[in-house]
Amino acid sequence: MPVFEIKPVFIDGTDAAAEWVDDRHSAWNEPLLRATAPLAERWVPPALELYRSEMSPTAVLFHPTAHVVSQGVRDELSHFPELEFLPVMVAGYGVFFAMHVLASCDLPAGSVADRGPGTDIALIRAFPKAFEPPAPFFRIRHPGTLTARGMAVCVPDVYASEAAATAVMRVAGKFLRAVRVPMA
C-alpha cells in the first residue's frame, strides 16, 4: 500500500507557497506537537503573526514545525479521528489550527532510514513493500520513547495513506503536497 509524506509546497524550491507564521521572536517551536498524547485539554493557544506582514493569510500557514490550517481545511479533515486540531491565534486574522497527529507506529523492520545522535531517526528514505499504515495519518516513533501509557515522541514528518493524501491534496493542494515515499 503506498505511503505519502505530507510536505509544504515551495515555489522555486525556496519560498513556501503558504504565508509564513511565527511568534514575535521567530522562535515558536512546540515540541508537544511531536508527542502522541492528546493535547486539547491542556493546550494554550500561542499568539502568532504573519511573517510577511504585507501578505494575507492562506488556507494553510507555513511553519517548519507544524501544519497550521484554516477553519475550512480543519472542517474538511476533521473526520479523520487520528487528527487533533489545536487553536492558534494569528494576530489580525483570528483562529487557525495546528494539525496534531495522534496515531503512530515504530519504524517498520526493513525500512531504510538515517539515524541522528543516539537512536533518533533523522530521515526515513523508504518503507518496506509490505508496510500497511496504522491509520490514515500517522507518525513514526523515535525508538525507546514509547511509555507504559502508550505515549511517544515522534519524528516531525507526517505520513498518510493514499486516501488521506488525496483528502489533503483536494482541500489544500496549493499549499501542501503528498510525496510518495519509496518502498524498499
N, C-alpha and C. Protein backbone atom coordinates (compact mmCIF):
# COMPACT_ATOMS: atom_id res chain seq x y z
N MET A 1 0.85 -1.18 0.00
CA MET A 1 0.00 0.00 0.00
C MET A 1 0.90 1.24 0.00
N PRO A 2 0.64 2.20 -0.87
CA PRO A 2 1.50 3.40 -0.90
C PRO A 2 1.37 4.24 0.36
N VAL A 3 2.48 4.89 0.70
CA VAL A 3 2.54 5.81 1.83
C VAL A 3 3.05 7.13 1.30
N PHE A 4 2.49 8.22 1.81
CA PHE A 4 2.86 9.56 1.37
C PHE A 4 3.32 10.39 2.55
N GLU A 5 4.26 11.28 2.31
CA GLU A 5 4.65 12.26 3.31
C GLU A 5 3.97 13.57 2.95
N ILE A 6 3.35 14.21 3.93
CA ILE A 6 2.68 15.49 3.71
C ILE A 6 3.70 16.60 3.96
N LYS A 7 3.98 17.38 2.91
CA LYS A 7 5.02 18.41 2.97
C LYS A 7 4.46 19.73 2.45
N PRO A 8 5.08 20.84 2.84
CA PRO A 8 4.67 22.13 2.28
C PRO A 8 5.08 22.25 0.81
N VAL A 9 4.30 23.00 0.07
CA VAL A 9 4.65 23.33 -1.32
C VAL A 9 5.60 24.52 -1.27
N PHE A 10 6.69 24.42 -2.02
CA PHE A 10 7.64 25.52 -2.13
C PHE A 10 7.67 26.01 -3.57
N ILE A 11 7.74 27.33 -3.73
CA ILE A 11 7.84 27.95 -5.05
C ILE A 11 9.31 28.05 -5.40
N ASP A 12 9.69 27.54 -6.53
CA ASP A 12 11.09 27.56 -6.96
C ASP A 12 12.03 26.95 -5.93
N GLY A 13 11.51 26.08 -5.08
CA GLY A 13 12.34 25.41 -4.09
C GLY A 13 12.84 26.27 -2.95
N THR A 14 12.44 27.53 -2.88
CA THR A 14 13.00 28.42 -1.86
C THR A 14 11.96 29.07 -0.95
N ASP A 15 10.77 29.29 -1.42
CA ASP A 15 9.79 30.05 -0.65
C ASP A 15 8.48 29.27 -0.56
N ALA A 16 7.95 29.13 0.64
CA ALA A 16 6.70 28.41 0.83
C ALA A 16 5.57 29.10 0.08
N ALA A 17 4.71 28.30 -0.57
CA ALA A 17 3.54 28.85 -1.25
C ALA A 17 2.57 29.46 -0.24
N ALA A 18 2.50 28.86 0.94
CA ALA A 18 1.64 29.37 2.01
C ALA A 18 2.31 30.55 2.69
N GLU A 19 1.50 31.43 3.25
CA GLU A 19 2.01 32.53 4.06
C GLU A 19 2.69 31.94 5.30
N TRP A 20 3.81 32.52 5.70
CA TRP A 20 4.54 32.06 6.88
C TRP A 20 3.93 32.65 8.14
N VAL A 21 4.01 31.88 9.24
CA VAL A 21 3.50 32.33 10.53
C VAL A 21 4.53 31.98 11.60
N ASP A 22 4.67 32.84 12.59
CA ASP A 22 5.59 32.58 13.70
C ASP A 22 5.23 33.53 14.84
N ASP A 23 5.96 33.42 15.95
CA ASP A 23 5.73 34.37 17.03
C ASP A 23 6.60 35.61 16.80
N ARG A 24 6.52 36.56 17.70
CA ARG A 24 7.25 37.83 17.54
C ARG A 24 8.76 37.66 17.49
N HIS A 25 9.24 36.58 18.07
CA HIS A 25 10.68 36.37 18.14
C HIS A 25 11.17 35.36 17.10
N SER A 26 10.27 34.95 16.20
CA SER A 26 10.58 33.91 15.21
C SER A 26 11.13 32.67 15.89
N ALA A 27 10.49 32.29 16.98
CA ALA A 27 11.01 31.18 17.78
C ALA A 27 9.94 30.18 18.21
N TRP A 28 8.72 30.25 17.63
CA TRP A 28 7.70 29.31 18.06
C TRP A 28 8.09 27.91 17.63
N ASN A 29 8.18 27.02 18.59
CA ASN A 29 8.50 25.62 18.33
C ASN A 29 7.86 24.84 19.46
N GLU A 30 6.75 24.20 19.17
CA GLU A 30 6.01 23.49 20.21
C GLU A 30 6.35 22.00 20.15
N PRO A 31 7.27 21.53 21.02
CA PRO A 31 7.66 20.13 20.98
C PRO A 31 6.53 19.16 21.31
N LEU A 32 5.50 19.62 22.00
CA LEU A 32 4.37 18.75 22.32
C LEU A 32 3.67 18.24 21.06
N LEU A 33 3.78 18.98 19.95
CA LEU A 33 3.14 18.55 18.71
C LEU A 33 3.78 17.28 18.14
N ARG A 34 4.96 16.91 18.63
CA ARG A 34 5.63 15.68 18.18
C ARG A 34 5.31 14.50 19.08
N ALA A 35 4.52 14.72 20.13
CA ALA A 35 4.12 13.65 21.03
C ALA A 35 2.78 13.08 20.57
N THR A 36 2.50 11.85 20.98
CA THR A 36 1.25 11.22 20.57
C THR A 36 0.12 11.42 21.57
N ALA A 37 0.39 12.10 22.66
CA ALA A 37 -0.64 12.35 23.67
C ALA A 37 -1.61 13.42 23.17
N PRO A 38 -2.92 13.23 23.39
CA PRO A 38 -3.87 14.30 23.05
C PRO A 38 -3.54 15.55 23.86
N LEU A 39 -3.65 16.70 23.21
CA LEU A 39 -3.25 17.96 23.85
C LEU A 39 -4.42 18.92 24.09
N ALA A 40 -5.58 18.64 23.55
CA ALA A 40 -6.68 19.60 23.56
C ALA A 40 -7.00 20.14 24.95
N GLU A 41 -7.00 19.30 25.97
CA GLU A 41 -7.38 19.74 27.31
C GLU A 41 -6.34 20.63 27.98
N ARG A 42 -5.09 20.57 27.55
CA ARG A 42 -4.05 21.36 28.21
C ARG A 42 -3.39 22.38 27.26
N TRP A 43 -3.86 22.46 26.05
CA TRP A 43 -3.27 23.34 25.04
C TRP A 43 -3.54 24.80 25.36
N VAL A 44 -2.51 25.61 25.32
CA VAL A 44 -2.64 27.06 25.46
C VAL A 44 -2.35 27.64 24.08
N PRO A 45 -3.36 28.25 23.44
CA PRO A 45 -3.15 28.74 22.08
C PRO A 45 -2.03 29.78 22.01
N PRO A 46 -1.04 29.54 21.16
CA PRO A 46 0.03 30.52 21.02
C PRO A 46 -0.44 31.73 20.23
N ALA A 47 0.19 32.86 20.48
CA ALA A 47 -0.09 34.09 19.74
C ALA A 47 0.95 34.21 18.64
N LEU A 48 0.51 34.06 17.40
CA LEU A 48 1.41 34.11 16.26
C LEU A 48 1.03 35.26 15.35
N GLU A 49 1.90 35.56 14.40
CA GLU A 49 1.60 36.61 13.43
C GLU A 49 2.17 36.20 12.08
N LEU A 50 1.64 36.82 11.04
CA LEU A 50 2.16 36.53 9.71
C LEU A 50 3.59 37.03 9.62
N TYR A 51 4.43 36.22 9.06
CA TYR A 51 5.86 36.53 8.96
C TYR A 51 6.11 37.66 7.97
N ARG A 52 5.39 37.64 6.86
CA ARG A 52 5.50 38.71 5.87
C ARG A 52 4.23 39.54 6.01
N SER A 53 4.28 40.55 6.82
CA SER A 53 3.07 41.29 7.22
C SER A 53 2.32 41.93 6.06
N GLU A 54 2.94 42.10 4.89
CA GLU A 54 2.22 42.69 3.76
C GLU A 54 1.30 41.68 3.08
N MET A 55 1.41 40.42 3.45
CA MET A 55 0.59 39.37 2.84
C MET A 55 -0.68 39.15 3.66
N SER A 56 -1.58 38.36 3.13
CA SER A 56 -2.77 37.97 3.88
C SER A 56 -2.72 36.45 4.08
N PRO A 57 -3.46 35.93 5.05
CA PRO A 57 -3.36 34.51 5.35
C PRO A 57 -3.86 33.64 4.20
N THR A 58 -3.27 32.47 4.09
CA THR A 58 -3.69 31.46 3.13
C THR A 58 -4.38 30.34 3.91
N ALA A 59 -4.98 29.39 3.22
CA ALA A 59 -5.73 28.31 3.87
C ALA A 59 -4.83 27.43 4.75
N VAL A 60 -3.56 27.38 4.41
CA VAL A 60 -2.55 26.71 5.23
C VAL A 60 -1.47 27.75 5.49
N LEU A 61 -1.02 27.83 6.72
CA LEU A 61 0.07 28.75 7.06
C LEU A 61 1.33 27.93 7.28
N PHE A 62 2.41 28.36 6.68
CA PHE A 62 3.66 27.61 6.79
C PHE A 62 4.37 27.91 8.10
N HIS A 63 4.79 26.86 8.75
CA HIS A 63 5.73 26.92 9.85
C HIS A 63 6.54 25.64 9.79
N PRO A 64 7.86 25.70 10.00
CA PRO A 64 8.68 24.50 9.84
C PRO A 64 8.33 23.35 10.78
N THR A 65 7.68 23.63 11.89
CA THR A 65 7.41 22.56 12.86
C THR A 65 5.94 22.17 12.97
N ALA A 66 5.06 22.78 12.19
CA ALA A 66 3.64 22.44 12.29
C ALA A 66 2.90 22.86 11.02
N HIS A 67 1.92 22.04 10.65
CA HIS A 67 0.99 22.44 9.60
C HIS A 67 -0.12 23.22 10.31
N VAL A 68 -0.27 24.50 10.00
CA VAL A 68 -1.28 25.35 10.62
C VAL A 68 -2.33 25.61 9.54
N VAL A 69 -3.58 25.27 9.84
CA VAL A 69 -4.62 25.30 8.81
C VAL A 69 -5.81 26.17 9.22
N SER A 70 -6.56 26.59 8.21
CA SER A 70 -7.75 27.41 8.43
C SER A 70 -8.91 26.54 8.92
N GLN A 71 -9.98 27.21 9.32
CA GLN A 71 -11.19 26.51 9.75
C GLN A 71 -11.73 25.63 8.61
N GLY A 72 -11.67 26.12 7.38
CA GLY A 72 -12.17 25.34 6.24
C GLY A 72 -11.40 24.05 6.02
N VAL A 73 -10.08 24.11 6.11
CA VAL A 73 -9.26 22.90 5.97
C VAL A 73 -9.53 21.96 7.14
N ARG A 74 -9.62 22.53 8.33
CA ARG A 74 -9.96 21.72 9.52
C ARG A 74 -11.28 21.00 9.31
N ASP A 75 -12.28 21.71 8.84
CA ASP A 75 -13.59 21.09 8.64
C ASP A 75 -13.51 19.92 7.66
N GLU A 76 -12.74 20.07 6.60
CA GLU A 76 -12.63 19.02 5.58
C GLU A 76 -11.85 17.80 6.07
N LEU A 77 -10.95 17.98 7.01
CA LEU A 77 -10.13 16.87 7.50
C LEU A 77 -10.55 16.36 8.87
N SER A 78 -11.56 16.97 9.48
CA SER A 78 -11.93 16.63 10.85
C SER A 78 -12.53 15.23 11.00
N HIS A 79 -12.90 14.58 9.92
CA HIS A 79 -13.45 13.22 10.03
C HIS A 79 -12.36 12.16 10.24
N PHE A 80 -11.10 12.56 10.18
CA PHE A 80 -10.01 11.63 10.48
C PHE A 80 -9.78 11.64 11.99
N PRO A 81 -10.12 10.55 12.69
CA PRO A 81 -10.06 10.56 14.16
C PRO A 81 -8.65 10.68 14.74
N GLU A 82 -7.62 10.41 13.95
CA GLU A 82 -6.26 10.49 14.45
C GLU A 82 -5.68 11.89 14.36
N LEU A 83 -6.49 12.85 13.90
CA LEU A 83 -6.06 14.24 13.85
C LEU A 83 -6.74 15.04 14.95
N GLU A 84 -5.95 15.85 15.61
CA GLU A 84 -6.45 16.78 16.62
C GLU A 84 -6.08 18.17 16.10
N PHE A 85 -7.02 19.09 16.12
CA PHE A 85 -6.77 20.45 15.63
C PHE A 85 -6.76 21.40 16.82
N LEU A 86 -5.60 22.01 17.05
CA LEU A 86 -5.38 22.85 18.23
C LEU A 86 -5.37 24.32 17.83
N PRO A 87 -6.14 25.15 18.53
CA PRO A 87 -6.24 26.56 18.14
C PRO A 87 -4.93 27.32 18.25
N VAL A 88 -4.73 28.18 17.29
CA VAL A 88 -3.57 29.07 17.21
C VAL A 88 -4.13 30.45 16.89
N MET A 89 -3.77 31.45 17.65
CA MET A 89 -4.25 32.81 17.40
C MET A 89 -3.29 33.53 16.46
N VAL A 90 -3.80 34.00 15.33
CA VAL A 90 -2.98 34.71 14.37
C VAL A 90 -3.41 36.18 14.41
N ALA A 91 -2.51 37.04 14.83
CA ALA A 91 -2.79 38.47 15.03
C ALA A 91 -3.47 39.08 13.80
N GLY A 92 -4.63 39.68 14.04
CA GLY A 92 -5.37 40.35 12.99
C GLY A 92 -6.23 39.44 12.13
N TYR A 93 -6.10 38.11 12.30
CA TYR A 93 -6.83 37.18 11.43
C TYR A 93 -7.59 36.11 12.19
N GLY A 94 -7.47 36.05 13.50
CA GLY A 94 -8.27 35.12 14.29
C GLY A 94 -7.65 33.75 14.47
N VAL A 95 -8.53 32.76 14.55
CA VAL A 95 -8.12 31.41 14.93
C VAL A 95 -7.79 30.56 13.70
N PHE A 96 -6.63 29.93 13.76
CA PHE A 96 -6.22 28.87 12.83
C PHE A 96 -5.97 27.65 13.71
N PHE A 97 -5.54 26.55 13.13
CA PHE A 97 -5.40 25.32 13.90
C PHE A 97 -4.11 24.58 13.54
N ALA A 98 -3.34 24.22 14.58
CA ALA A 98 -2.18 23.36 14.38
C ALA A 98 -2.68 21.93 14.26
N MET A 99 -2.26 21.26 13.21
CA MET A 99 -2.68 19.88 12.97
C MET A 99 -1.77 18.95 13.77
N HIS A 100 -2.35 18.24 14.72
CA HIS A 100 -1.60 17.34 15.60
C HIS A 100 -2.00 15.91 15.29
N VAL A 101 -1.02 15.09 14.89
CA VAL A 101 -1.28 13.69 14.53
C VAL A 101 -1.07 12.82 15.76
N LEU A 102 -2.12 12.05 16.13
CA LEU A 102 -2.08 11.22 17.32
C LEU A 102 -1.62 9.79 17.05
N ALA A 103 -1.86 9.27 15.86
CA ALA A 103 -1.51 7.88 15.54
C ALA A 103 -0.03 7.77 15.23
N SER A 104 0.56 6.64 15.66
CA SER A 104 1.98 6.44 15.41
C SER A 104 2.30 4.95 15.39
N CYS A 105 3.49 4.65 14.91
CA CYS A 105 3.99 3.27 14.95
C CYS A 105 5.51 3.32 14.98
N ASP A 106 6.09 2.19 15.35
CA ASP A 106 7.54 2.08 15.29
C ASP A 106 7.97 2.04 13.83
N LEU A 107 9.22 2.38 13.57
CA LEU A 107 9.77 2.27 12.24
C LEU A 107 9.72 0.79 11.85
N PRO A 108 9.02 0.46 10.77
CA PRO A 108 8.88 -0.96 10.42
C PRO A 108 10.22 -1.59 10.04
N ALA A 109 10.39 -2.85 10.42
CA ALA A 109 11.58 -3.60 10.03
C ALA A 109 11.66 -3.60 8.51
N GLY A 110 12.85 -3.40 7.99
CA GLY A 110 13.04 -3.36 6.55
C GLY A 110 12.99 -1.96 5.97
N SER A 111 12.70 -0.96 6.81
CA SER A 111 12.72 0.44 6.35
C SER A 111 14.16 0.88 6.14
N VAL A 112 14.33 1.89 5.32
CA VAL A 112 15.64 2.49 5.11
C VAL A 112 15.58 3.87 5.75
N ALA A 113 16.44 4.09 6.75
CA ALA A 113 16.41 5.36 7.49
C ALA A 113 17.81 5.76 7.92
N ASP A 114 18.03 7.06 7.97
CA ASP A 114 19.27 7.61 8.53
C ASP A 114 19.01 7.90 10.00
N ARG A 115 20.02 7.64 10.82
CA ARG A 115 19.90 7.88 12.25
C ARG A 115 20.63 9.15 12.62
N GLY A 116 20.07 9.85 13.61
CA GLY A 116 20.73 11.02 14.16
C GLY A 116 21.55 10.61 15.37
N PRO A 117 21.77 11.54 16.29
CA PRO A 117 22.50 11.20 17.51
C PRO A 117 21.76 10.11 18.28
N GLY A 118 22.49 9.16 18.82
CA GLY A 118 21.86 8.08 19.58
C GLY A 118 21.01 7.21 18.66
N THR A 119 19.79 6.97 19.07
CA THR A 119 18.90 6.12 18.27
C THR A 119 17.85 6.91 17.52
N ASP A 120 17.86 8.24 17.62
CA ASP A 120 16.85 9.05 16.92
C ASP A 120 16.88 8.82 15.42
N ILE A 121 15.72 8.90 14.82
CA ILE A 121 15.58 8.76 13.38
C ILE A 121 15.70 10.15 12.77
N ALA A 122 16.65 10.33 11.88
CA ALA A 122 16.86 11.64 11.24
C ALA A 122 16.08 11.77 9.94
N LEU A 123 16.01 10.69 9.15
CA LEU A 123 15.37 10.75 7.84
C LEU A 123 14.91 9.36 7.45
N ILE A 124 13.67 9.23 7.05
CA ILE A 124 13.15 7.96 6.54
C ILE A 124 13.20 8.02 5.03
N ARG A 125 13.95 7.11 4.44
CA ARG A 125 14.12 7.09 2.99
C ARG A 125 13.16 6.14 2.30
N ALA A 126 12.76 5.06 2.97
CA ALA A 126 11.85 4.09 2.34
C ALA A 126 11.20 3.23 3.41
N PHE A 127 9.98 2.80 3.12
CA PHE A 127 9.27 1.83 3.95
C PHE A 127 9.32 0.48 3.24
N PRO A 128 9.19 -0.63 3.97
CA PRO A 128 9.18 -1.93 3.31
C PRO A 128 7.92 -2.09 2.45
N LYS A 129 8.02 -2.90 1.39
CA LYS A 129 6.90 -3.07 0.45
C LYS A 129 5.63 -3.55 1.12
N ALA A 130 5.73 -4.36 2.14
CA ALA A 130 4.55 -4.93 2.79
C ALA A 130 3.96 -4.03 3.88
N PHE A 131 4.53 -2.84 4.09
CA PHE A 131 4.08 -1.97 5.17
C PHE A 131 2.65 -1.49 4.95
N GLU A 132 1.84 -1.60 5.98
CA GLU A 132 0.46 -1.10 5.99
C GLU A 132 0.38 0.04 7.00
N PRO A 133 -0.02 1.24 6.57
CA PRO A 133 -0.12 2.35 7.53
C PRO A 133 -1.07 2.00 8.68
N PRO A 134 -0.72 2.39 9.91
CA PRO A 134 -1.56 2.07 11.06
C PRO A 134 -2.84 2.91 11.13
N ALA A 135 -2.87 4.00 10.40
CA ALA A 135 -4.02 4.91 10.38
C ALA A 135 -3.87 5.78 9.13
N PRO A 136 -4.94 6.46 8.71
CA PRO A 136 -4.81 7.32 7.53
C PRO A 136 -3.72 8.39 7.67
N PHE A 137 -3.57 8.99 8.84
CA PHE A 137 -2.47 9.90 9.14
C PHE A 137 -1.69 9.29 10.29
N PHE A 138 -0.36 9.34 10.23
CA PHE A 138 0.44 8.76 11.30
C PHE A 138 1.83 9.36 11.30
N ARG A 139 2.53 9.12 12.38
CA ARG A 139 3.94 9.50 12.52
C ARG A 139 4.72 8.26 12.93
N ILE A 140 6.03 8.35 12.80
CA ILE A 140 6.91 7.26 13.21
C ILE A 140 7.57 7.65 14.53
N ARG A 141 7.50 6.73 15.50
CA ARG A 141 8.05 6.99 16.83
C ARG A 141 9.57 6.85 16.83
N HIS A 142 10.21 7.74 17.58
CA HIS A 142 11.64 7.56 17.84
C HIS A 142 11.79 6.32 18.73
N PRO A 143 12.79 5.48 18.49
CA PRO A 143 12.99 4.28 19.31
C PRO A 143 13.17 4.63 20.78
N GLY A 144 12.56 3.81 21.63
CA GLY A 144 12.74 3.96 23.07
C GLY A 144 11.92 5.05 23.72
N THR A 145 10.99 5.68 23.00
CA THR A 145 10.22 6.77 23.61
C THR A 145 8.80 6.37 24.00
N LEU A 146 8.37 5.17 23.64
CA LEU A 146 7.02 4.72 23.98
C LEU A 146 6.93 4.45 25.48
N THR A 147 5.97 5.10 26.14
CA THR A 147 5.79 4.93 27.59
C THR A 147 4.77 3.83 27.86
N ALA A 148 4.67 3.43 29.12
CA ALA A 148 3.71 2.41 29.53
C ALA A 148 2.28 2.87 29.24
N ARG A 149 2.05 4.18 29.19
CA ARG A 149 0.70 4.70 28.90
C ARG A 149 0.45 4.84 27.40
N GLY A 150 1.39 4.39 26.58
CA GLY A 150 1.20 4.41 25.13
C GLY A 150 1.53 5.73 24.46
N MET A 151 2.21 6.62 25.15
CA MET A 151 2.60 7.90 24.57
C MET A 151 4.04 7.80 24.06
N ALA A 152 4.35 8.56 23.01
CA ALA A 152 5.70 8.52 22.44
C ALA A 152 6.05 9.85 21.82
N VAL A 153 7.34 10.03 21.53
CA VAL A 153 7.83 11.19 20.79
C VAL A 153 8.12 10.70 19.37
N CYS A 154 7.67 11.46 18.40
CA CYS A 154 7.77 11.03 17.01
C CYS A 154 8.65 11.95 16.17
N VAL A 155 9.07 11.43 15.03
CA VAL A 155 9.75 12.27 14.06
C VAL A 155 8.75 13.35 13.63
N PRO A 156 9.22 14.50 13.18
CA PRO A 156 8.28 15.58 12.84
C PRO A 156 7.45 15.33 11.58
N ASP A 157 7.89 14.43 10.72
CA ASP A 157 7.21 14.21 9.45
C ASP A 157 5.83 13.58 9.65
N VAL A 158 4.87 14.04 8.83
CA VAL A 158 3.52 13.50 8.85
C VAL A 158 3.37 12.59 7.63
N TYR A 159 2.93 11.36 7.88
CA TYR A 159 2.73 10.38 6.81
C TYR A 159 1.24 10.11 6.65
N ALA A 160 0.87 9.66 5.45
CA ALA A 160 -0.54 9.46 5.15
C ALA A 160 -0.75 8.28 4.21
N SER A 161 -1.90 7.66 4.36
CA SER A 161 -2.33 6.64 3.41
C SER A 161 -2.74 7.35 2.12
N GLU A 162 -3.03 6.59 1.10
CA GLU A 162 -3.44 7.20 -0.17
C GLU A 162 -4.73 8.00 -0.01
N ALA A 163 -5.69 7.48 0.75
CA ALA A 163 -6.97 8.18 0.95
C ALA A 163 -6.75 9.51 1.69
N ALA A 164 -5.92 9.49 2.72
CA ALA A 164 -5.65 10.71 3.48
C ALA A 164 -4.88 11.72 2.63
N ALA A 165 -3.91 11.24 1.87
CA ALA A 165 -3.14 12.13 0.99
C ALA A 165 -4.05 12.77 -0.05
N THR A 166 -4.98 12.01 -0.58
CA THR A 166 -5.94 12.54 -1.56
C THR A 166 -6.80 13.62 -0.92
N ALA A 167 -7.23 13.41 0.33
CA ALA A 167 -8.04 14.41 1.02
C ALA A 167 -7.25 15.70 1.23
N VAL A 168 -5.99 15.59 1.61
CA VAL A 168 -5.15 16.78 1.80
C VAL A 168 -4.98 17.52 0.48
N MET A 169 -4.70 16.80 -0.58
CA MET A 169 -4.49 17.43 -1.88
C MET A 169 -5.77 18.12 -2.37
N ARG A 170 -6.92 17.52 -2.10
CA ARG A 170 -8.19 18.11 -2.53
C ARG A 170 -8.47 19.43 -1.82
N VAL A 171 -8.18 19.50 -0.55
CA VAL A 171 -8.54 20.68 0.23
C VAL A 171 -7.41 21.71 0.34
N ALA A 172 -6.15 21.26 0.22
CA ALA A 172 -5.03 22.19 0.46
C ALA A 172 -3.88 21.98 -0.51
N GLY A 173 -4.16 21.46 -1.68
CA GLY A 173 -3.11 21.11 -2.64
C GLY A 173 -2.26 22.27 -3.13
N LYS A 174 -2.73 23.49 -2.99
CA LYS A 174 -1.90 24.64 -3.38
C LYS A 174 -0.79 24.90 -2.36
N PHE A 175 -0.97 24.38 -1.14
CA PHE A 175 -0.05 24.70 -0.06
C PHE A 175 0.63 23.48 0.57
N LEU A 176 0.00 22.31 0.47
CA LEU A 176 0.58 21.07 0.97
C LEU A 176 0.62 20.07 -0.17
N ARG A 177 1.66 19.24 -0.18
CA ARG A 177 1.77 18.23 -1.23
C ARG A 177 1.95 16.87 -0.58
N ALA A 178 1.54 15.85 -1.27
CA ALA A 178 1.70 14.48 -0.81
C ALA A 178 2.77 13.82 -1.67
N VAL A 179 3.91 13.52 -1.05
CA VAL A 179 5.05 12.94 -1.77
C VAL A 179 5.11 11.46 -1.46
N ARG A 180 5.03 10.65 -2.49
CA ARG A 180 5.07 9.20 -2.30
C ARG A 180 6.43 8.78 -1.76
N VAL A 181 6.40 8.00 -0.66
CA VAL A 181 7.63 7.51 -0.05
C VAL A 181 8.02 6.22 -0.77
N PRO A 182 9.28 6.08 -1.17
CA PRO A 182 9.70 4.85 -1.83
C PRO A 182 9.48 3.63 -0.95
N MET A 183 9.27 2.49 -1.58
CA MET A 183 9.11 1.22 -0.88
C MET A 183 10.36 0.38 -1.18
N ALA A 184 10.98 -0.17 -0.13
CA ALA A 184 12.21 -0.93 -0.30
C ALA A 184 11.92 -2.42 -0.42
